């Protein structure tokens, strides 16, 4: 499987990594303060109580890499053949912060820092706007600033905001701004809220191993079943980690959703213009972040669409050169592999 990982397209495509994280020190400082003073939820205590304080090699490496938007990150991209990286403020962004003014300040500063890094390396870095959904109107304005002034190509929201989901009507200004700017929304995982985390936490399953995907997949389903794509038919929502398992549940999701609608079982579950699978094929985009697994990628391409599945590394949380080689070596037609690594990202991020 060994081959050189070069940038520049020597294998017939560029590699664009579409879910790559960075952090700011003031963001991490607030996480630590919240863990110390008891205002953090259980998920933050589990996640950032580890990454920001553990002396383990994994934690210290990740923290060092998250805070770097310069030479180390570029060197790691070069060493693994990554031509361009789509960068977003690491989960959970500013969404757990109880002081809304502080959250907005930190998100805006993070956006400015990312814009500076993008300006310094315009051929390597692509930005996504960080927002503070605690203030939907401010977030809408920041989405417009990111698109018009900072040159960003999408928006990332880290699933729930203090246990609330984007299907609540109060978040509509965010979707209106996405529609007005034509930008995609990337729903990135966060640890589950306190209302659902306990059985996962006690088993060590609250984070990337399981809890992230379960919670984020549910978030996307809440949006689909409330009719977000009927209201905003051009909206594109991205999810990582091979679609947070939803592509593999599609048959049952559709069967049971339609049964529930026919039975009038739930007040919020109304008829939609399409099936769940239909929306997955017209409004949902999937990246393989953290899932360098050929069978899963091919299945998603089959059921969601070849134009809707994109490459991601999930740097710095998952940084493995041999995973890039495995993706290069997939048994896949050259034109499809180029879509996966390059042209789908160029299309959906408007590059």
C-alpha atoms as a PDB file:
ATOM      1  CA  UNK A   1       0.000   0.000   0.000  1.00  0.00           C
ATOM      2  CA  UNK A   2       3.026   2.276   0.375  1.00  0.00           C
ATOM      3  CA  UNK A   3       3.396   5.169  -2.043  1.00  0.00           C
ATOM      4  CA  UNK A   4       4.581   8.737  -1.800  1.00  0.00           C
ATOM      5  CA  UNK A   5       1.959  11.252  -0.683  1.00  0.00           C
ATOM      6  CA  UNK A   6       2.591  14.328  -2.767  1.00  0.00           C
ATOM      7  CA  UNK A   7       0.565  17.478  -3.243  1.00  0.00           C
ATOM      8  CA  UNK A   8      -0.068  18.849  -6.690  1.00  0.00           C
ATOM      9  CA  UNK A   9      -2.251  16.167  -8.254  1.00  0.00           C
ATOM     10  CA  UNK A  10       0.291  13.542  -9.289  1.00  0.00           C
ATOM     11  CA  UNK A  11      -2.392  10.844  -8.993  1.00  0.00           C
ATOM     12  CA  UNK A  12      -4.881  12.672 -11.196  1.00  0.00           C
ATOM     13  CA  UNK A  13      -6.630  14.683  -8.485  1.00  0.00           C
ATOM     14  CA  UNK A  14      -5.998  17.177  -5.735  1.00  0.00           C
ATOM     15  CA  UNK A  15      -6.856  16.145  -2.187  1.00  0.00           C
ATOM     16  CA  UNK A  16      -9.217  18.600  -0.482  1.00  0.00           C
ATOM     17  CA  UNK A  17      -9.836  17.719   3.175  1.00  0.00           C
ATOM     18  CA  UNK A  18     -13.253  19.045   4.150  1.00  0.00           C
ATOM     19  CA  UNK A  19     -13.517  18.688   7.961  1.00  0.00           C
ATOM     20  CA  UNK A  20     -10.355  20.002   9.579  1.00  0.00           C
ATOM     21  CA  UNK A  21     -10.296  21.740  12.963  1.00  0.00           C
ATOM     22  CA  UNK A  22      -8.479  24.590  14.654  1.00  0.00           C
ATOM     23  CA  UNK A  23      -8.851  26.230  18.078  1.00  0.00           C
ATOM     24  CA  UNK A  24      -8.079  29.553  19.694  1.00  0.00           C
ATOM     25  CA  UNK A  25      -6.504  29.882  23.101  1.00  0.00           C
ATOM     26  CA  UNK A  26      -9.311  32.084  24.416  1.00  0.00           C
ATOM     27  CA  UNK A  27     -11.845  29.429  23.387  1.00  0.00           C
ATOM     28  CA  UNK A  28      -9.900  26.725  25.271  1.00  0.00           C
ATOM     29  CA  UNK A  29      -9.459  29.022  28.278  1.00  0.00           C
ATOM     30  CA  UNK A  30     -13.237  29.400  28.586  1.00  0.00           C
ATOM     31  CA  UNK A  31     -13.722  25.632  28.291  1.00  0.00           C
ATOM     32  CA  UNK A  32     -11.270  25.105  31.149  1.00  0.00           C
ATOM     33  CA  UNK A  33     -12.894  27.829  33.255  1.00  0.00           C
ATOM     34  CA  UNK A  34     -16.295  26.202  32.780  1.00  0.00           C
ATOM     35  CA  UNK A  35     -14.912  22.787  33.735  1.00  0.00           C
ATOM     36  CA  UNK A  36     -13.344  24.280  36.865  1.00  0.00           C
ATOM     37  CA  UNK A  37     -16.301  26.359  38.004  1.00  0.00           C
ATOM     38  CA  UNK A  38     -18.925  23.650  37.416  1.00  0.00           C
ATOM     39  CA  UNK A  39     -20.841  25.394  34.614  1.00  0.00           C
ATOM     40  CA  UNK A  40     -19.720  22.914  31.940  1.00  0.00           C
ATOM     41  CA  UNK A  41     -22.107  20.144  30.953  1.00  0.00           C
ATOM     42  CA  UNK A  42     -21.087  16.513  31.377  1.00  0.00           C
ATOM     43  CA  UNK A  43     -19.938  16.223  27.799  1.00  0.00           C
ATOM     44  CA  UNK A  44     -17.567  19.165  28.043  1.00  0.00           C
ATOM     45  CA  UNK A  45     -16.128  17.815  31.277  1.00  0.00           C
ATOM     46  CA  UNK A  46     -15.497  14.491  29.542  1.00  0.00           C
ATOM     47  CA  UNK A  47     -14.120  15.918  26.293  1.00  0.00           C
ATOM     48  CA  UNK A  48     -12.215  19.050  27.237  1.00  0.00           C
ATOM     49  CA  UNK A  49     -11.418  17.915  30.737  1.00  0.00           C
ATOM     50  CA  UNK A  50      -9.303  15.356  28.878  1.00  0.00           C
ATOM     51  CA  UNK A  51      -7.891  17.139  25.829  1.00  0.00           C
ATOM     52  CA  UNK A  52      -7.034  20.410  27.574  1.00  0.00           C
ATOM     53  CA  UNK A  53      -5.510  18.911  30.733  1.00  0.00           C
ATOM     54  CA  UNK A  54      -4.250  15.383  30.057  1.00  0.00           C
ATOM     55  CA  UNK A  55      -0.462  14.878  29.819  1.00  0.00           C
ATOM     56  CA  UNK A  56      -1.020  11.955  27.428  1.00  0.00           C
ATOM     57  CA  UNK A  57       0.714  12.037  24.056  1.00  0.00           C
ATOM     58  CA  UNK A  58      -2.598  12.083  22.176  1.00  0.00           C
ATOM     59  CA  UNK A  59      -3.994  15.035  24.121  1.00  0.00           C
ATOM     60  CA  UNK A  60      -0.859  17.161  24.054  1.00  0.00           C
ATOM     61  CA  UNK A  61      -0.294  16.568  20.333  1.00  0.00           C
ATOM     62  CA  UNK A  62      -3.859  17.452  19.475  1.00  0.00           C
ATOM     63  CA  UNK A  63      -3.820  20.634  21.523  1.00  0.00           C
ATOM     64  CA  UNK A  64      -0.562  21.741  19.915  1.00  0.00           C
ATOM     65  CA  UNK A  65      -1.895  21.048  16.425  1.00  0.00           C
ATOM     66  CA  UNK A  66      -5.288  22.664  17.028  1.00  0.00           C
ATOM     67  CA  UNK A  67      -3.713  25.973  17.966  1.00  0.00           C
ATOM     68  CA  UNK A  68      -1.423  26.085  14.925  1.00  0.00           C
ATOM     69  CA  UNK A  69      -2.580  27.746  11.705  1.00  0.00           C
ATOM     70  CA  UNK A  70       0.872  28.061  10.220  1.00  0.00           C
ATOM     71  CA  UNK A  71       3.980  26.098   9.421  1.00  0.00           C
ATOM     72  CA  UNK A  72       3.279  22.910  11.396  1.00  0.00           C
ATOM     73  CA  UNK A  73      -0.172  22.492   9.867  1.00  0.00           C
ATOM     74  CA  UNK A  74       1.160  23.148   6.380  1.00  0.00           C
ATOM     75  CA  UNK A  75       3.988  20.672   6.946  1.00  0.00           C
ATOM     76  CA  UNK A  76       1.528  17.995   8.043  1.00  0.00           C
ATOM     77  CA  UNK A  77      -0.607  18.693   4.978  1.00  0.00           C
ATOM     78  CA  UNK A  78       2.471  18.345   2.774  1.00  0.00           C
ATOM     79  CA  UNK A  79       3.514  15.120   4.503  1.00  0.00           C
ATOM     80  CA  UNK A  80       0.125  13.526   3.819  1.00  0.00           C
ATOM     81  CA  UNK A  81      -0.494  14.984   0.371  1.00  0.00           C
ATOM     82  CA  UNK A  82      -3.332  17.313   1.376  1.00  0.00           C
ATOM     83  CA  UNK A  83      -3.544  20.157  -1.106  1.00  0.00           C
ATOM     84  CA  UNK A  84      -6.252  22.214   0.595  1.00  0.00           C
ATOM     85  CA  UNK A  85      -7.995  22.083   3.972  1.00  0.00           C
ATOM     86  CA  UNK A  86     -11.464  23.352   4.866  1.00  0.00           C
ATOM     87  CA  UNK A  87     -10.990  24.735   8.384  1.00  0.00           C
ATOM     88  CA  UNK A  88     -13.539  25.348  11.131  1.00  0.00           C
ATOM     89  CA  UNK A  89     -13.393  26.254  14.818  1.00  0.00           C
ATOM     90  CA  UNK A  90     -13.193  23.027  16.769  1.00  0.00           C
ATOM     91  CA  UNK A  91     -16.247  21.545  18.447  1.00  0.00           C
ATOM     92  CA  UNK A  92     -18.205  22.617  20.406  1.00  0.00           C
ATOM     93  CA  UNK A  93     -17.242  26.055  19.120  1.00  0.00           C
ATOM     94  CA  UNK A  94     -18.681  28.695  21.434  1.00  0.00           C
ATOM     95  CA  UNK A  95     -22.071  27.022  21.771  1.00  0.00           C
ATOM     96  CA  UNK A  96     -21.809  25.892  25.428  1.00  0.00           C
ATOM     97  CA  UNK A  97     -20.801  29.349  26.638  1.00  0.00           C
ATOM     98  CA  UNK A  98     -23.345  30.865  29.003  1.00  0.00           C
ATOM     99  CA  UNK A  99     -22.176  34.458  28.586  1.00  0.00           C
ATOM    100  CA  UNK A 100     -23.579  35.218  25.142  1.00  0.00           C
ATOM    101  CA  UNK A 101     -21.547  38.393  24.683  1.00  0.00           C
ATOM    102  CA  UNK A 102     -18.382  36.432  25.444  1.00  0.00           C
ATOM    103  CA  UNK A 103     -19.406  33.682  23.025  1.00  0.00           C
ATOM    104  CA  UNK A 104     -19.963  36.165  20.200  1.00  0.00           C
ATOM    105  CA  UNK A 105     -16.674  37.911  20.912  1.00  0.00           C
ATOM    106  CA  UNK A 106     -14.711  34.639  20.803  1.00  0.00           C
ATOM    107  CA  UNK A 107     -16.468  33.441  17.633  1.00  0.00           C
ATOM    108  CA  UNK A 108     -15.808  36.734  15.850  1.00  0.00           C
ATOM    109  CA  UNK A 109     -12.154  36.711  16.921  1.00  0.00           C
ATOM    110  CA  UNK A 110     -11.802  33.119  15.711  1.00  0.00           C
ATOM    111  CA  UNK A 111     -13.277  34.097  12.361  1.00  0.00           C
ATOM    112  CA  UNK A 112     -10.859  36.991  12.071  1.00  0.00           C
ATOM    113  CA  UNK A 113      -7.914  34.739  12.933  1.00  0.00           C
ATOM    114  CA  UNK A 114      -8.977  32.172  10.360  1.00  0.00           C
ATOM    115  CA  UNK A 115      -9.411  34.906   7.752  1.00  0.00           C
ATOM    116  CA  UNK A 116      -5.857  36.070   8.419  1.00  0.00           C
ATOM    117  CA  UNK A 117      -4.530  32.525   8.024  1.00  0.00           C
ATOM    118  CA  UNK A 118      -6.512  32.087   4.826  1.00  0.00           C
ATOM    119  CA  UNK A 119      -5.166  35.350   3.448  1.00  0.00           C
ATOM    120  CA  UNK A 120      -1.621  34.231   4.263  1.00  0.00           C
ATOM    121  CA  UNK A 121      -2.127  30.857   2.542  1.00  0.00           C
ATOM    122  CA  UNK A 122      -4.996  31.318   0.063  1.00  0.00           C
ATOM    123  CA  UNK A 123      -4.041  28.268  -1.983  1.00  0.00           C
ATOM    124  CA  UNK A 124      -4.087  25.951   1.044  1.00  0.00           C
ATOM    125  CA  UNK A 125      -6.763  27.088   3.520  1.00  0.00           C
ATOM    126  CA  UNK A 126     -10.539  27.419   3.052  1.00  0.00           C
ATOM    127  CA  UNK A 127     -12.644  28.856   5.868  1.00  0.00           C
ATOM    128  CA  UNK A 128     -16.003  28.109   7.447  1.00  0.00           C
ATOM    129  CA  UNK A 129     -17.710  30.697   9.632  1.00  0.00           C
ATOM    130  CA  UNK A 130     -18.138  30.073  13.352  1.00  0.00           C
ATOM    131  CA  UNK A 131     -21.357  31.401  14.898  1.00  0.00           C
ATOM    132  CA  UNK A 132     -22.997  31.668  18.316  1.00  0.00           C
ATOM    133  CA  UNK A 133     -26.507  30.245  17.832  1.00  0.00           C
ATOM    134  CA  UNK A 134     -27.369  31.543  21.310  1.00  0.00           C
ATOM    135  CA  UNK A 135     -28.029  34.786  19.376  1.00  0.00           C
ATOM    136  CA  UNK A 136     -29.589  33.790  16.042  1.00  0.00           C
ATOM    137  CA  UNK A 137     -29.742  37.321  14.631  1.00  0.00           C
ATOM    138  CA  UNK A 138     -26.071  37.970  15.406  1.00  0.00           C
ATOM    139  CA  UNK A 139     -25.195  34.594  13.905  1.00  0.00           C
ATOM    140  CA  UNK A 140     -27.057  35.491  10.718  1.00  0.00           C
ATOM    141  CA  UNK A 141     -25.089  38.723  10.469  1.00  0.00           C
ATOM    142  CA  UNK A 142     -21.819  36.842  11.066  1.00  0.00           C
ATOM    143  CA  UNK A 143     -22.695  34.359   8.322  1.00  0.00           C
ATOM    144  CA  UNK A 144     -23.135  37.282   5.944  1.00  0.00           C
ATOM    145  CA  UNK A 145     -19.850  38.837   7.127  1.00  0.00           C
ATOM    146  CA  UNK A 146     -18.051  35.539   6.637  1.00  0.00           C
ATOM    147  CA  UNK A 147     -19.355  35.219   3.103  1.00  0.00           C
ATOM    148  CA  UNK A 148     -19.023  38.848   1.991  1.00  0.00           C
ATOM    149  CA  UNK A 149     -15.975  40.138   3.874  1.00  0.00           C
ATOM    150  CA  UNK A 150     -13.884  37.167   5.021  1.00  0.00           C
ATOM    151  CA  UNK A 151     -14.118  34.991   1.931  1.00  0.00           C
ATOM    152  CA  UNK A 152     -15.439  31.948   3.797  1.00  0.00           C
ATOM    153  CA  UNK A 153     -17.196  29.172   1.913  1.00  0.00           C
ATOM    154  CA  UNK A 154     -19.531  27.612   4.493  1.00  0.00           C
ATOM    155  CA  UNK A 155     -20.765  27.673   8.083  1.00  0.00           C
ATOM    156  CA  UNK A 156     -20.146  25.147  10.844  1.00  0.00           C
ATOM    157  CA  UNK A 157     -22.477  24.569  13.777  1.00  0.00           C
ATOM    158  CA  UNK A 158     -21.544  21.937  16.337  1.00  0.00           C
ATOM    159  CA  UNK A 159     -24.902  20.213  16.703  1.00  0.00           C
ATOM    160  CA  UNK A 160     -26.936  21.160  19.786  1.00  0.00           C
ATOM    161  CA  UNK A 161     -26.608  24.484  21.585  1.00  0.00           C
ATOM    162  CA  UNK A 162     -27.062  23.826  25.293  1.00  0.00           C
ATOM    163  CA  UNK A 163     -29.524  21.044  24.512  1.00  0.00           C
ATOM    164  CA  UNK A 164     -31.451  22.959  21.835  1.00  0.00           C
ATOM    165  CA  UNK A 165     -31.603  22.023  18.158  1.00  0.00           C
ATOM    166  CA  UNK A 166     -31.796  24.045  14.963  1.00  0.00           C
ATOM    167  CA  UNK A 167     -35.331  22.846  14.199  1.00  0.00           C
ATOM    168  CA  UNK A 168     -36.581  25.341  16.807  1.00  0.00           C
ATOM    169  CA  UNK A 169     -38.210  28.242  14.856  1.00  0.00           C
ATOM    170  CA  UNK A 170     -36.096  30.775  16.734  1.00  0.00           C
ATOM    171  CA  UNK A 171     -33.077  29.678  14.678  1.00  0.00           C
ATOM    172  CA  UNK A 172     -34.713  30.578  11.370  1.00  0.00           C
ATOM    173  CA  UNK A 173     -32.548  33.709  10.888  1.00  0.00           C
ATOM    174  CA  UNK A 174     -29.567  31.371  10.533  1.00  0.00           C
ATOM    175  CA  UNK A 175     -31.256  29.444   7.729  1.00  0.00           C
ATOM    176  CA  UNK A 176     -32.381  32.653   6.055  1.00  0.00           C
ATOM    177  CA  UNK A 177     -28.756  33.861   6.035  1.00  0.00           C
ATOM    178  CA  UNK A 178     -27.611  30.541   4.597  1.00  0.00           C
ATOM    179  CA  UNK A 179     -30.229  30.847   1.868  1.00  0.00           C
ATOM    180  CA  UNK A 180     -29.319  34.454   1.125  1.00  0.00           C
ATOM    181  CA  UNK A 181     -25.587  33.687   0.853  1.00  0.00           C
ATOM    182  CA  UNK A 182     -25.966  30.287  -0.819  1.00  0.00           C
ATOM    183  CA  UNK A 183     -23.574  28.760   1.699  1.00  0.00           C
ATOM    184  CA  UNK A 184     -23.676  25.156   2.968  1.00  0.00           C
ATOM    185  CA  UNK A 185     -24.130  24.335   6.645  1.00  0.00           C
ATOM    186  CA  UNK A 186     -21.797  21.753   8.148  1.00  0.00           C
ATOM    187  CA  UNK A 187     -23.341  20.140  11.240  1.00  0.00           C
ATOM    188  CA  UNK A 188     -20.372  18.852  13.191  1.00  0.00           C
ATOM    189  CA  UNK A 189     -20.774  16.627  16.245  1.00  0.00           C
ATOM    190  CA  UNK A 190     -20.662  17.715  19.840  1.00  0.00           C
ATOM    191  CA  UNK A 191     -20.929  15.532  22.910  1.00  0.00           C
ATOM    192  CA  UNK A 192     -24.568  14.672  23.667  1.00  0.00           C
ATOM    193  CA  UNK A 193     -26.425  17.005  26.029  1.00  0.00           C
ATOM    194  CA  UNK A 194     -26.969  16.055  29.649  1.00  0.00           C
ATOM    195  CA  UNK A 195     -30.478  14.852  28.797  1.00  0.00           C
ATOM    196  CA  UNK A 196     -29.089  11.883  26.809  1.00  0.00           C
ATOM    197  CA  UNK A 197     -25.447  11.390  27.748  1.00  0.00           C
ATOM    198  CA  UNK A 198     -25.485   9.310  30.948  1.00  0.00           C
ATOM    199  CA  UNK A 199     -25.682   5.740  29.535  1.00  0.00           C
ATOM    200  CA  UNK A 200     -22.977   6.615  27.001  1.00  0.00           C
ATOM    201  CA  UNK A 201     -20.750   8.360  29.529  1.00  0.00           C
ATOM    202  CA  UNK A 202     -20.751   5.489  31.987  1.00  0.00           C
ATOM    203  CA  UNK A 203     -19.643   3.145  29.193  1.00  0.00           C
ATOM    204  CA  UNK A 204     -17.017   5.482  27.708  1.00  0.00           C
ATOM    205  CA  UNK A 205     -19.120   5.845  24.544  1.00  0.00           C
ATOM    206  CA  UNK A 206     -20.006   9.556  24.737  1.00  0.00           C
ATOM    207  CA  UNK A 207     -17.454  10.918  22.284  1.00  0.00           C
ATOM    208  CA  UNK A 208     -16.262  10.135  18.768  1.00  0.00           C
ATOM    209  CA  UNK A 209     -16.560   6.399  19.296  1.00  0.00           C
ATOM    210  CA  UNK A 210     -20.388   6.551  19.322  1.00  0.00           C
ATOM    211  CA  UNK A 211     -22.111   9.474  21.048  1.00  0.00           C
ATOM    212  CA  UNK A 212     -21.038  12.082  18.502  1.00  0.00           C
ATOM    213  CA  UNK A 213     -22.622  10.213  15.613  1.00  0.00           C
ATOM    214  CA  UNK A 214     -25.832   9.288  17.393  1.00  0.00           C
ATOM    215  CA  UNK A 215     -26.502  12.846  18.523  1.00  0.00           C
ATOM    216  CA  UNK A 216     -25.591  14.506  15.230  1.00  0.00           C
ATOM    217  CA  UNK A 217     -27.535  12.020  13.122  1.00  0.00           C
ATOM    218  CA  UNK A 218     -30.563  12.730  15.292  1.00  0.00           C
ATOM    219  CA  UNK A 219     -30.066  16.473  14.773  1.00  0.00           C
ATOM    220  CA  UNK A 220     -30.110  16.086  11.002  1.00  0.00           C
ATOM    221  CA  UNK A 221     -33.208  13.883  11.195  1.00  0.00           C
ATOM    222  CA  UNK A 222     -34.977  16.490  13.322  1.00  0.00           C
ATOM    223  CA  UNK A 223     -34.318  19.068  10.610  1.00  0.00           C
ATOM    224  CA  UNK A 224     -35.394  16.797   7.756  1.00  0.00           C
ATOM    225  CA  UNK A 225     -38.609  15.651   9.438  1.00  0.00           C
ATOM    226  CA  UNK A 226     -39.631  19.175  10.466  1.00  0.00           C
ATOM    227  CA  UNK A 227     -39.490  20.148   6.786  1.00  0.00           C
ATOM    228  CA  UNK A 228     -36.379  22.352   6.660  1.00  0.00           C
ATOM    229  CA  UNK A 229     -35.734  21.415   3.026  1.00  0.00           C
ATOM    230  CA  UNK A 230     -39.315  22.139   2.022  1.00  0.00           C
ATOM    231  CA  UNK A 231     -38.860  25.663   3.419  1.00  0.00           C
ATOM    232  CA  UNK A 232     -35.365  26.035   1.955  1.00  0.00           C
ATOM    233  CA  UNK A 233     -35.194  23.724  -1.066  1.00  0.00           C
ATOM    234  CA  UNK A 234     -31.733  24.885  -2.140  1.00  0.00           C
ATOM    235  CA  UNK A 235     -30.171  24.466   1.317  1.00  0.00           C
ATOM    236  CA  UNK A 236     -27.280  22.018   1.533  1.00  0.00           C
ATOM    237  CA  UNK A 237     -26.348  20.442   4.877  1.00  0.00           C
ATOM    238  CA  UNK A 238     -23.077  18.561   5.275  1.00  0.00           C
ATOM    239  CA  UNK A 239     -22.379  15.892   7.877  1.00  0.00           C
ATOM    240  CA  UNK A 240     -19.199  13.939   8.420  1.00  0.00           C
ATOM    241  CA  UNK A 241     -18.190  10.470   9.517  1.00  0.00           C
ATOM    242  CA  UNK A 242     -19.948   8.792   6.576  1.00  0.00           C
ATOM    243  CA  UNK A 243     -23.226  10.603   7.235  1.00  0.00           C
ATOM    244  CA  UNK A 244     -23.358   9.827  10.964  1.00  0.00           C
ATOM    245  CA  UNK A 245     -24.742   6.366  10.026  1.00  0.00           C
ATOM    246  CA  UNK A 246     -27.894   7.693   8.338  1.00  0.00           C
ATOM    247  CA  UNK A 247     -27.139   6.310   4.840  1.00  0.00           C
ATOM    248  CA  UNK A 248     -27.196   2.797   6.278  1.00  0.00           C
ATOM    249  CA  UNK A 249     -30.548   3.329   8.019  1.00  0.00           C
ATOM    250  CA  UNK A 250     -32.346   4.931   5.082  1.00  0.00           C
ATOM    251  CA  UNK A 251     -34.742   2.110   4.257  1.00  0.00           C
ATOM    252  CA  UNK A 252     -35.997   1.819   7.828  1.00  0.00           C
ATOM    253  CA  UNK A 253     -36.028   5.574   8.386  1.00  0.00           C
ATOM    254  CA  UNK A 254     -38.304   6.036   5.391  1.00  0.00           C
ATOM    255  CA  UNK A 255     -40.559   3.118   6.246  1.00  0.00           C
ATOM    256  CA  UNK A 256     -41.118   4.182   9.842  1.00  0.00           C
ATOM    257  CA  UNK A 257     -41.346   7.902   9.088  1.00  0.00           C
ATOM    258  CA  UNK A 258     -44.078   7.323   6.534  1.00  0.00           C
ATOM    259  CA  UNK A 259     -45.883   4.971   8.909  1.00  0.00           C
ATOM    260  CA  UNK A 260     -45.764   7.638  11.615  1.00  0.00           C
ATOM    261  CA  UNK A 261     -47.088  10.315   9.273  1.00  0.00           C
ATOM    262  CA  UNK A 262     -49.990   8.110   8.137  1.00  0.00           C
ATOM    263  CA  UNK A 263     -50.878   7.306  11.742  1.00  0.00           C
ATOM    264  CA  UNK A 264     -50.759  10.950  12.909  1.00  0.00           C
ATOM    265  CA  UNK A 265     -48.716   9.658  15.803  1.00  0.00           C
ATOM    266  CA  UNK A 266     -46.686  12.804  16.463  1.00  0.00           C
ATOM    267  CA  UNK A 267     -47.966  16.367  16.213  1.00  0.00           C
ATOM    268  CA  UNK A 268     -44.767  17.653  14.615  1.00  0.00           C
ATOM    269  CA  UNK A 269     -44.480  14.862  12.042  1.00  0.00           C
ATOM    270  CA  UNK A 270     -46.289  16.139   8.949  1.00  0.00           C
ATOM    271  CA  UNK A 271     -46.201  14.984   5.307  1.00  0.00           C
ATOM    272  CA  UNK A 272     -43.147  16.174   3.386  1.00  0.00           C
ATOM    273  CA  UNK A 273     -42.530  16.847  -0.277  1.00  0.00           C
ATOM    274  CA  UNK A 274     -39.950  14.046  -0.457  1.00  0.00           C
ATOM    275  CA  UNK A 275     -38.908  10.941   1.401  1.00  0.00           C
ATOM    276  CA  UNK A 276     -35.979  11.126   3.818  1.00  0.00           C
ATOM    277  CA  UNK A 277     -33.922   9.282   1.210  1.00  0.00           C
ATOM    278  CA  UNK A 278     -35.004  11.860  -1.370  1.00  0.00           C
ATOM    279  CA  UNK A 279     -33.680  14.714   0.756  1.00  0.00           C
ATOM    280  CA  UNK A 280     -30.459  12.806   1.374  1.00  0.00           C
ATOM    281  CA  UNK A 281     -29.984  12.691  -2.397  1.00  0.00           C
ATOM    282  CA  UNK A 282     -30.823  16.357  -2.995  1.00  0.00           C
ATOM    283  CA  UNK A 283     -29.903  18.342   0.126  1.00  0.00           C
ATOM    284  CA  UNK A 284     -27.419  16.351   2.242  1.00  0.00           C
ATOM    285  CA  UNK A 285     -23.692  16.030   1.648  1.00  0.00           C
ATOM    286  CA  UNK A 286     -21.502  13.429   3.332  1.00  0.00           C
ATOM    287  CA  UNK A 287     -17.803  13.469   4.153  1.00  0.00           C
ATOM    288  CA  UNK A 288     -15.761  10.478   5.257  1.00  0.00           C
ATOM    289  CA  UNK A 289     -14.001  12.282   8.101  1.00  0.00           C
ATOM    290  CA  UNK A 290     -12.564   9.696  10.472  1.00  0.00           C
ATOM    291  CA  UNK A 291     -13.909   6.866   8.282  1.00  0.00           C
ATOM    292  CA  UNK A 292     -11.183   5.746   5.891  1.00  0.00           C
ATOM    293  CA  UNK A 293     -13.152   2.655   4.948  1.00  0.00           C
ATOM    294  CA  UNK A 294     -13.752   1.796   1.308  1.00  0.00           C
ATOM    295  CA  UNK A 295     -16.959  -0.280   1.744  1.00  0.00           C
ATOM    296  CA  UNK A 296     -18.693   2.526   3.626  1.00  0.00           C
ATOM    297  CA  UNK A 297     -17.621   5.140   1.095  1.00  0.00           C
ATOM    298  CA  UNK A 298     -18.898   3.088  -1.829  1.00  0.00           C
ATOM    299  CA  UNK A 299     -22.207   2.413  -0.086  1.00  0.00           C
ATOM    300  CA  UNK A 300     -22.750   6.116   0.575  1.00  0.00           C
ATOM    301  CA  UNK A 301     -21.941   6.912  -3.039  1.00  0.00           C
ATOM    302  CA  UNK A 302     -24.536   4.340  -4.085  1.00  0.00           C
ATOM    303  CA  UNK A 303     -27.406   5.522  -1.882  1.00  0.00           C
ATOM    304  CA  UNK A 304     -26.699   9.257  -1.491  1.00  0.00           C
ATOM    305  CA  UNK A 305     -25.031   9.888  -4.833  1.00  0.00           C
ATOM    306  CA  UNK A 306     -21.556  10.010  -6.310  1.00  0.00           C
ATOM    307  CA  UNK A 307     -21.681  13.817  -6.389  1.00  0.00           C
ATOM    308  CA  UNK A 308     -22.463  14.033  -2.653  1.00  0.00           C
ATOM    309  CA  UNK A 309     -19.609  12.165  -0.955  1.00  0.00           C
ATOM    310  CA  UNK A 310     -16.352  13.997  -0.201  1.00  0.00           C
ATOM    311  CA  UNK A 311     -12.996  13.328   1.368  1.00  0.00           C
ATOM    312  CA  UNK A 312     -12.007  14.573   4.832  1.00  0.00           C
ATOM    313  CA  UNK A 313      -9.207  13.669   7.205  1.00  0.00           C
ATOM    314  CA  UNK A 314     -10.517  15.037  10.553  1.00  0.00           C
ATOM    315  CA  UNK A 315      -7.190  16.660  11.417  1.00  0.00           C
ATOM    316  CA  UNK A 316      -5.834  16.825  14.057  1.00  0.00           C
ATOM    317  CA  UNK A 317      -8.041  14.295  15.807  1.00  0.00           C
ATOM    318  CA  UNK A 318      -7.269  11.664  13.180  1.00  0.00           C
ATOM    319  CA  UNK A 319      -3.984  12.142  11.356  1.00  0.00           C
ATOM    320  CA  UNK A 320      -2.824   8.900   9.751  1.00  0.00           C
ATOM    321  CA  UNK A 321      -0.863   8.904   6.507  1.00  0.00           C
ATOM    322  CA  UNK A 322      -1.781   5.303   5.690  1.00  0.00           C
ATOM    323  CA  UNK A 323      -5.465   6.260   5.725  1.00  0.00           C
ATOM    324  CA  UNK A 324      -4.752   8.665   2.869  1.00  0.00           C
ATOM    325  CA  UNK A 325      -2.943   5.875   1.030  1.00  0.00           C
ATOM    326  CA  UNK A 326      -5.915   3.569   1.574  1.00  0.00           C
ATOM    327  CA  UNK A 327      -8.219   6.135   0.011  1.00  0.00           C
ATOM    328  CA  UNK A 328      -5.839   6.569  -2.916  1.00  0.00           C
ATOM    329  CA  UNK A 329      -5.872   2.812  -3.442  1.00  0.00           C
ATOM    330  CA  UNK A 330      -9.646   2.357  -3.472  1.00  0.00           C
ATOM    331  CA  UNK A 331     -10.934   0.193  -6.309  1.00  0.00           C
ATOM    332  CA  UNK A 332     -12.777   3.038  -7.954  1.00  0.00           C
ATOM    333  CA  UNK A 333     -12.938   4.559 -11.428  1.00  0.00           C
ATOM    334  CA  UNK A 334     -10.523   7.492 -11.807  1.00  0.00           C
ATOM    335  CA  UNK A 335     -13.286   9.986 -12.571  1.00  0.00           C
ATOM    336  CA  UNK A 336     -15.206   8.954  -9.436  1.00  0.00           C
ATOM    337  CA  UNK A 337     -12.106   9.114  -7.265  1.00  0.00           C
ATOM    338  CA  UNK A 338     -11.484  12.652  -8.525  1.00  0.00           C
ATOM    339  CA  UNK A 339     -15.030  13.590  -7.540  1.00  0.00           C
ATOM    340  CA  UNK A 340     -14.446  12.139  -4.066  1.00  0.00           C
ATOM    341  CA  UNK A 341     -11.136  13.898  -3.450  1.00  0.00           C
ATOM    342  CA  UNK A 342     -11.510  17.122  -5.382  1.00  0.00           C
ATOM    343  CA  UNK A 343     -14.350  18.189  -7.619  1.00  0.00           C
ATOM    344  CA  UNK A 344     -17.289  17.538  -5.272  1.00  0.00           C
ATOM    345  CA  UNK A 345     -15.630  19.807  -2.686  1.00  0.00           C
ATOM    346  CA  UNK A 346     -14.933  22.413  -5.340  1.00  0.00           C
ATOM    347  CA  UNK A 347     -18.581  22.332  -6.391  1.00  0.00           C
ATOM    348  CA  UNK A 348     -20.268  22.408  -3.007  1.00  0.00           C
ATOM    349  CA  UNK A 349     -17.901  24.891  -1.371  1.00  0.00           C
ATOM    350  CA  UNK A 350     -17.889  27.079  -4.476  1.00  0.00           C
ATOM    351  CA  UNK A 351     -14.126  26.976  -4.913  1.00  0.00           C
END
